[in-house]
Amino acid sequence: MAVPIALTIAGSDSSGGAGIQADLKTFSALGVYGASAIVALTAQNTRGVTAIHDAPPEFIAAQIDAVMDDLAVGAVKIGMVSRAESIEAVADALVRHGVEKIVLDPVMVASSGARLLASDAVEALRSRLLPRALLLTPNLPEAAALLDCAPARSEDEMAEQGRALQRLGARAVLVKGGHGEGRESVDILVASDGGVSRIAGRRVQTRNTHGTGCTLSSAIAANLAKGLGLDDAARQARAYLAEAIEAADQLSVGNGHGPVHHFVRWWSTDHG
């Protein structure tokens, strides 16, 4: 039986905790072969982003074409796409290859607070990529920015914003509650048929949350590539992320917002 394959289209994180690097680690941890199309290079570490170098749109398209023309890609995850021209190139390539299983993580701001999406690219994201997405995975600030409204303050408001984002074109929406408060961290999944599911877990107190959004969206894409339905893919991805966050403090990587532990199921961090 052929190995499941997932493609990540995103930016590179030089410190290895988010972006393309987090996506490929997640794919590997979940038993999926990972391919990548790099949209931008970032100079960053756990304390912040110091520079962004965007790839030319035609080269972004060439990477996607090269992968799709040869590999049997089962699902695609889209992360940081910082410019309108890049978004156009990605959208055109996905249409060209008839990709159906697309998880769109609308990355706008890094964990450190650095803005990763140009203001003129927001409309391109809404009009070109949202209608292609099987699943959109915004956090509370991202959902609010896409809808030009205040962040949701309750689960009912999260569901309302999920439905509003569906009206913009996304087939299903997972509104992530990691920026919320309370003992539970609650995500709200609004399915394509309008059904609403609650995915909850214990809120972990740690500053090492670099790459959490990238990790969750790529875990969902990996599960879709393995043939899981959307609800199961999201729930299993959330369980994997919870393990990675709970073990994040074991890594002691960097001096800022450190990464989650993508290989907690495989690595021993007890070096005696």
Protein backbone atom coordinates (compact mmCIF):
# COMPACT_ATOMS: atom_id res chain seq x y z
CA MET A 1 0.00 0.00 0.00
CA ALA A 2 1.35 3.41 -0.99
CA VAL A 3 2.29 5.83 1.78
CA PRO A 4 -0.13 8.75 2.21
CA ILE A 5 1.30 12.07 0.99
CA ALA A 6 0.53 15.63 2.06
CA LEU A 7 1.82 18.89 0.61
CA THR A 8 2.45 22.01 2.67
CA ILE A 9 2.43 25.40 0.96
CA ALA A 10 3.79 27.88 3.48
CA GLY A 11 6.72 29.95 4.69
CA SER A 12 9.98 28.59 6.07
CA ASP A 13 10.88 29.19 9.73
CA SER A 14 14.65 29.32 10.18
CA SER A 15 14.32 28.33 13.85
CA GLY A 16 12.40 25.17 12.93
CA GLY A 17 9.38 25.57 15.19
CA ALA A 18 6.69 26.80 12.82
CA GLY A 19 5.91 27.04 9.13
CA ILE A 20 7.21 24.47 6.65
CA GLN A 21 9.45 22.87 9.27
CA ALA A 22 6.62 22.33 11.76
CA ASP A 23 4.41 20.98 9.00
CA LEU A 24 6.96 18.43 7.80
CA LYS A 25 7.69 17.33 11.38
CA THR A 26 3.97 16.88 11.98
CA PHE A 27 3.46 14.90 8.77
CA SER A 28 6.35 12.62 9.73
CA ALA A 29 5.14 12.15 13.29
CA LEU A 30 1.74 11.06 11.97
CA GLY A 31 3.07 8.63 9.39
CA VAL A 32 2.58 10.78 6.29
CA TYR A 33 5.17 11.60 3.63
CA GLY A 34 5.58 15.37 3.40
CA ALA A 35 6.24 17.49 0.34
CA SER A 36 6.61 21.28 0.38
CA ALA A 37 6.29 24.44 -1.69
CA ILE A 38 8.06 27.33 0.00
CA VAL A 39 6.23 30.63 -0.41
CA ALA A 40 8.64 32.75 1.63
CA LEU A 41 11.78 32.52 3.71
CA THR A 42 11.71 34.06 7.17
CA ALA A 43 14.59 34.96 9.41
CA GLN A 44 13.14 34.20 12.82
CA ASN A 45 13.69 32.54 16.14
CA THR A 46 11.66 32.02 19.29
CA ARG A 47 11.81 35.75 20.03
CA GLY A 48 10.54 37.12 16.74
CA VAL A 49 10.72 37.57 12.99
CA THR A 50 13.52 39.84 11.74
CA ALA A 51 13.13 39.52 7.96
CA ILE A 52 10.89 38.01 5.27
CA HIS A 53 12.04 37.16 1.73
CA ASP A 54 9.16 36.27 -0.59
CA ALA A 55 9.58 33.76 -3.40
CA PRO A 56 8.57 34.95 -6.87
CA PRO A 57 4.99 33.91 -7.71
CA GLU A 58 6.09 31.96 -10.79
CA PHE A 59 8.54 29.95 -8.69
CA ILE A 60 5.84 29.18 -6.11
CA ALA A 61 3.70 27.84 -8.94
CA ALA A 62 6.63 25.83 -10.33
CA GLN A 63 7.14 24.10 -6.99
CA ILE A 64 3.46 23.16 -6.70
CA ASP A 65 3.37 21.94 -10.30
CA ALA A 66 6.51 19.82 -9.81
CA VAL A 67 5.01 18.10 -6.77
CA MET A 68 1.51 17.63 -8.15
CA ASP A 69 2.74 16.33 -11.53
CA ASP A 70 4.62 13.46 -9.88
CA LEU A 71 3.35 12.72 -6.35
CA ALA A 72 -0.07 11.35 -5.41
CA VAL A 73 -0.89 14.14 -2.97
CA GLY A 74 -3.81 13.25 -0.70
CA ALA A 75 -4.22 16.61 1.02
CA VAL A 76 -2.78 20.13 0.99
CA LYS A 77 -2.13 22.46 3.90
CA ILE A 78 -1.74 26.18 3.18
CA GLY A 79 -0.05 28.36 5.78
CA MET A 80 1.72 31.72 5.52
CA VAL A 81 1.16 33.31 2.10
CA SER A 82 2.13 36.91 2.71
CA ARG A 83 1.45 38.72 -0.57
CA ALA A 84 -1.54 39.03 -2.90
CA GLU A 85 0.54 37.94 -5.91
CA SER A 86 1.61 34.79 -4.05
CA ILE A 87 -1.98 34.01 -3.11
CA GLU A 88 -3.01 34.31 -6.76
CA ALA A 89 -0.24 31.92 -7.81
CA VAL A 90 -1.23 29.35 -5.16
CA ALA A 91 -4.94 29.59 -5.98
CA ASP A 92 -4.35 29.21 -9.71
CA ALA A 93 -2.13 26.15 -9.15
CA LEU A 94 -4.71 24.46 -6.91
CA VAL A 95 -7.42 25.03 -9.51
CA ARG A 96 -5.12 23.75 -12.26
CA HIS A 97 -4.53 20.48 -10.42
CA GLY A 98 -8.08 20.05 -9.13
CA VAL A 99 -7.08 19.76 -5.47
CA GLU A 100 -10.05 19.06 -3.17
CA LYS A 101 -8.71 18.36 0.33
CA ILE A 102 -7.30 21.75 1.32
CA VAL A 103 -6.73 22.93 4.89
CA LEU A 104 -6.22 26.70 5.00
CA ASP A 105 -4.56 28.19 8.06
CA PRO A 106 -4.93 31.97 7.57
CA VAL A 107 -1.60 32.91 9.18
CA MET A 108 -1.57 36.65 9.83
CA VAL A 109 0.55 37.15 12.95
CA ALA A 110 3.36 35.04 14.42
CA SER A 111 3.29 33.84 18.05
CA SER A 112 5.85 36.57 18.77
CA GLY A 113 3.44 39.24 17.47
CA ALA A 114 5.14 39.88 14.10
CA ARG A 115 2.71 40.56 11.25
CA LEU A 116 3.09 37.94 8.49
CA LEU A 117 0.37 38.98 6.03
CA ALA A 118 0.43 42.23 4.06
CA SER A 119 -2.73 44.29 4.53
CA ASP A 120 -3.53 44.24 0.81
CA ALA A 121 -3.34 40.44 0.80
CA VAL A 122 -6.30 39.96 3.15
CA GLU A 123 -8.87 40.51 0.40
CA ALA A 124 -7.01 38.14 -1.92
CA LEU A 125 -7.07 35.54 0.85
CA ARG A 126 -10.83 36.00 1.24
CA SER A 127 -11.65 35.92 -2.46
CA ARG A 128 -9.18 33.36 -3.86
CA LEU A 129 -8.24 30.87 -1.14
CA LEU A 130 -11.27 30.71 1.15
CA PRO A 131 -13.52 29.35 -1.63
CA ARG A 132 -10.96 26.58 -2.28
CA ALA A 133 -10.74 25.42 1.34
CA LEU A 134 -12.30 22.23 2.60
CA LEU A 135 -11.42 23.53 6.07
CA LEU A 136 -10.44 26.98 7.32
CA THR A 137 -8.65 27.05 10.71
CA PRO A 138 -8.56 30.61 12.09
CA ASN A 139 -7.81 31.48 15.69
CA LEU A 140 -9.99 34.10 17.40
CA PRO A 141 -8.04 37.18 16.18
CA GLU A 142 -7.76 35.77 12.64
CA ALA A 143 -11.48 35.03 12.40
CA ALA A 144 -12.21 38.56 13.58
CA ALA A 145 -9.77 40.07 11.06
CA LEU A 146 -11.27 38.10 8.16
CA LEU A 147 -14.76 39.25 9.14
CA ASP A 148 -13.73 42.78 10.17
CA CYS A 149 -15.37 42.41 13.57
CA ALA A 150 -14.49 41.96 17.25
CA PRO A 151 -13.07 38.60 18.41
CA ALA A 152 -15.62 36.06 19.62
CA ARG A 153 -16.12 36.00 23.40
CA SER A 154 -18.22 32.84 23.71
CA GLU A 155 -18.70 29.50 22.02
CA ASP A 156 -21.95 30.75 20.46
CA GLU A 157 -20.11 33.71 18.95
CA MET A 158 -17.37 31.38 17.68
CA ALA A 159 -20.03 29.30 15.92
CA GLU A 160 -21.63 32.45 14.47
CA GLN A 161 -18.29 33.60 13.11
CA GLY A 162 -17.65 30.13 11.69
CA ARG A 163 -20.93 30.32 9.77
CA ALA A 164 -20.06 33.83 8.56
CA LEU A 165 -16.74 32.54 7.24
CA GLN A 166 -18.61 29.75 5.45
CA ARG A 167 -20.62 32.43 3.70
CA LEU A 168 -17.31 33.78 2.38
CA GLY A 169 -16.72 30.41 0.71
CA ALA A 170 -15.03 27.97 3.11
CA ARG A 171 -16.87 24.64 3.21
CA ALA A 172 -16.09 24.00 6.90
CA VAL A 173 -14.48 26.16 9.59
CA LEU A 174 -12.60 25.28 12.77
CA VAL A 175 -12.54 28.36 15.00
CA LYS A 176 -9.70 27.80 17.45
CA GLY A 177 -10.08 28.95 21.05
CA GLY A 178 -6.45 28.91 22.14
CA HIS A 179 -6.49 32.69 22.61
CA GLY A 180 -9.49 32.42 24.90
CA GLU A 181 -9.59 32.06 28.67
CA GLY A 182 -10.69 29.45 31.15
CA ARG A 183 -9.55 26.00 32.22
CA GLU A 184 -10.66 24.47 28.92
CA SER A 185 -9.37 25.35 25.47
CA VAL A 186 -12.34 24.94 23.14
CA ASP A 187 -12.37 24.77 19.34
CA ILE A 188 -15.64 25.00 17.44
CA LEU A 189 -16.02 23.01 14.21
CA VAL A 190 -18.74 24.23 11.86
CA ALA A 191 -19.23 21.44 9.32
CA SER A 192 -20.27 21.82 5.69
CA ASP A 193 -23.81 20.73 6.56
CA GLY A 194 -24.08 23.46 9.22
CA GLY A 195 -23.60 21.12 12.17
CA VAL A 196 -21.56 22.43 15.08
CA SER A 197 -19.14 20.30 17.11
CA ARG A 198 -17.24 21.20 20.26
CA ILE A 199 -13.63 19.97 20.54
CA ALA A 200 -12.26 20.70 24.00
CA GLY A 201 -9.20 19.95 26.06
CA ARG A 202 -7.36 21.11 29.16
CA ARG A 203 -5.66 24.49 28.72
CA VAL A 204 -1.91 24.00 29.23
CA GLN A 205 0.02 26.82 30.89
CA THR A 206 3.24 27.20 28.91
CA ARG A 207 5.00 29.96 27.00
CA ASN A 208 6.23 27.39 24.45
CA THR A 209 3.48 27.72 21.88
CA HIS A 210 5.53 28.56 18.77
CA GLY A 211 3.97 26.83 15.76
CA THR A 212 0.78 25.57 17.40
CA GLY A 213 -1.48 26.76 14.58
CA CYS A 214 0.83 25.34 11.91
CA THR A 215 0.99 22.04 13.76
CA LEU A 216 -2.77 21.66 14.14
CA SER A 217 -3.60 22.49 10.52
CA SER A 218 -0.87 20.20 9.17
CA ALA A 219 -2.01 17.40 11.50
CA ILE A 220 -5.53 17.73 10.10
CA ALA A 221 -4.15 17.64 6.55
CA ALA A 222 -2.10 14.54 7.41
CA ASN A 223 -5.18 12.80 8.77
CA LEU A 224 -7.19 13.73 5.67
CA ALA A 225 -4.40 12.31 3.50
CA LYS A 226 -4.75 9.06 5.46
CA GLY A 227 -8.42 8.93 4.55
CA LEU A 228 -10.08 10.12 7.76
CA GLY A 229 -13.28 12.12 7.66
CA LEU A 230 -13.09 15.78 8.62
CA ASP A 231 -14.48 15.44 12.15
CA ASP A 232 -12.17 12.54 13.05
CA ALA A 233 -9.23 14.28 11.35
CA ALA A 234 -9.77 17.40 13.46
CA ARG A 235 -10.27 15.54 16.74
CA GLN A 236 -7.21 13.33 16.29
CA ALA A 237 -5.14 16.34 15.25
CA ARG A 238 -6.24 18.23 18.35
CA ALA A 239 -5.26 15.25 20.54
CA TYR A 240 -1.81 15.13 18.91
CA LEU A 241 -1.32 18.87 19.42
CA ALA A 242 -2.33 18.58 23.07
CA GLU A 243 0.41 15.99 23.61
CA ALA A 244 2.94 18.19 21.82
CA ILE A 245 2.04 21.24 23.92
CA GLU A 246 2.04 19.35 27.20
CA ALA A 247 5.58 18.15 26.48
CA ALA A 248 6.83 21.47 25.07
CA ASP A 249 8.64 22.52 28.24
CA GLN A 250 10.84 19.42 28.01
CA LEU A 251 12.63 20.80 24.96
CA SER A 252 14.11 24.08 26.31
CA VAL A 253 14.68 25.45 22.81
CA GLY A 254 15.38 29.19 22.55
CA ASN A 255 14.76 32.05 24.94
CA GLY A 256 11.31 33.21 23.79
CA HIS A 257 8.19 31.33 22.74
CA GLY A 258 9.71 27.88 22.22
CA PRO A 259 8.31 25.18 19.93
CA VAL A 260 5.93 22.39 20.79
CA HIS A 261 7.33 18.85 21.00
CA HIS A 262 6.37 17.36 17.62
CA PHE A 263 8.07 14.03 18.35
CA VAL A 264 6.88 13.52 21.92
CA ARG A 265 5.65 10.03 20.97
CA TRP A 266 9.11 9.08 19.67
CA TRP A 267 11.83 11.02 21.48
CA SER A 268 13.00 10.59 25.05
CA THR A 269 13.98 13.98 26.48
CA ASP A 270 15.25 12.44 29.70
CA HIS A 271 19.02 12.52 29.21
CA GLY A 272 19.74 11.59 32.80
